């Protein structure tokens, strides 16, 4: 049976290693992206860009993607 594939977006650290190795038993990784920490303002801006690129508008609760 094929394992589902995901992309892991994480920061450097022991917890990333733990999560990666635990998930590896159950899934395959399409990619693992390790990023440097960002401050709260940059995180909000980045999240907004991702939401806009997927067609999710901040005030549109009917299309949250969840």
Protein backbone atom coordinates (compact mmCIF):
# COMPACT_ATOMS: atom_id res chain seq x y z
CA UNK A 1 0.00 0.00 0.00
CA UNK A 2 1.29 3.46 -0.90
CA UNK A 3 1.92 5.83 1.96
CA UNK A 4 0.33 9.30 1.69
CA UNK A 5 2.82 12.06 0.87
CA UNK A 6 3.06 15.38 2.68
CA UNK A 7 5.34 18.41 2.81
CA UNK A 8 6.81 19.10 6.26
CA UNK A 9 7.41 22.79 6.96
CA UNK A 10 9.44 23.17 10.14
CA UNK A 11 12.21 24.97 11.97
CA UNK A 12 15.54 23.63 13.14
CA UNK A 13 15.42 21.74 16.39
CA UNK A 14 15.04 18.50 18.25
CA UNK A 15 11.24 18.57 18.03
CA UNK A 16 11.45 18.63 14.22
CA UNK A 17 13.65 15.53 14.27
CA UNK A 18 11.23 13.74 16.61
CA UNK A 19 8.19 14.60 14.49
CA UNK A 20 9.95 13.68 11.25
CA UNK A 21 11.05 10.24 12.46
CA UNK A 22 7.68 9.47 14.03
CA UNK A 23 5.76 10.44 10.88
CA UNK A 24 8.22 8.56 8.66
CA UNK A 25 6.80 5.31 10.02
CA UNK A 26 3.36 6.18 8.63
CA UNK A 27 3.79 8.53 5.65
CA UNK A 28 6.20 9.50 2.89
CA UNK A 29 7.57 13.00 2.50
CA UNK A 30 7.26 14.85 -0.79
CA UNK A 31 9.62 17.46 0.69
CA UNK A 32 10.95 18.74 4.00
CA UNK A 33 11.44 22.50 4.25
CA UNK A 34 13.49 23.85 7.16
CA UNK A 35 13.02 27.60 7.69
CA UNK A 36 14.58 30.13 9.98
CA UNK A 37 12.23 31.58 12.62
CA UNK A 38 10.22 34.64 11.56
CA UNK A 39 8.80 37.38 13.72
CA UNK A 40 5.05 37.67 14.23
CA UNK A 41 4.58 40.48 11.68
CA UNK A 42 6.41 38.59 8.92
CA UNK A 43 4.48 35.42 9.75
CA UNK A 44 1.15 37.22 9.35
CA UNK A 45 2.24 38.74 6.03
CA UNK A 46 3.47 35.38 4.73
CA UNK A 47 0.24 33.66 5.82
CA UNK A 48 -1.82 36.35 4.09
CA UNK A 49 0.12 35.84 0.82
CA UNK A 50 -0.44 32.08 0.97
CA UNK A 51 -4.17 32.52 1.63
CA UNK A 52 -4.52 34.98 -1.27
CA UNK A 53 -2.64 32.69 -3.63
CA UNK A 54 -5.08 29.88 -2.83
CA UNK A 55 -8.11 32.14 -3.31
CA UNK A 56 -8.90 32.38 0.40
CA UNK A 57 -9.83 35.87 1.46
CA UNK A 58 -9.46 36.86 5.13
CA UNK A 59 -13.14 37.80 5.59
CA UNK A 60 -14.54 34.85 3.64
CA UNK A 61 -15.40 32.24 6.29
CA UNK A 62 -17.20 30.06 3.75
CA UNK A 63 -13.91 29.30 1.98
CA UNK A 64 -11.41 28.71 4.79
CA UNK A 65 -9.90 25.57 3.29
CA UNK A 66 -10.39 23.62 6.50
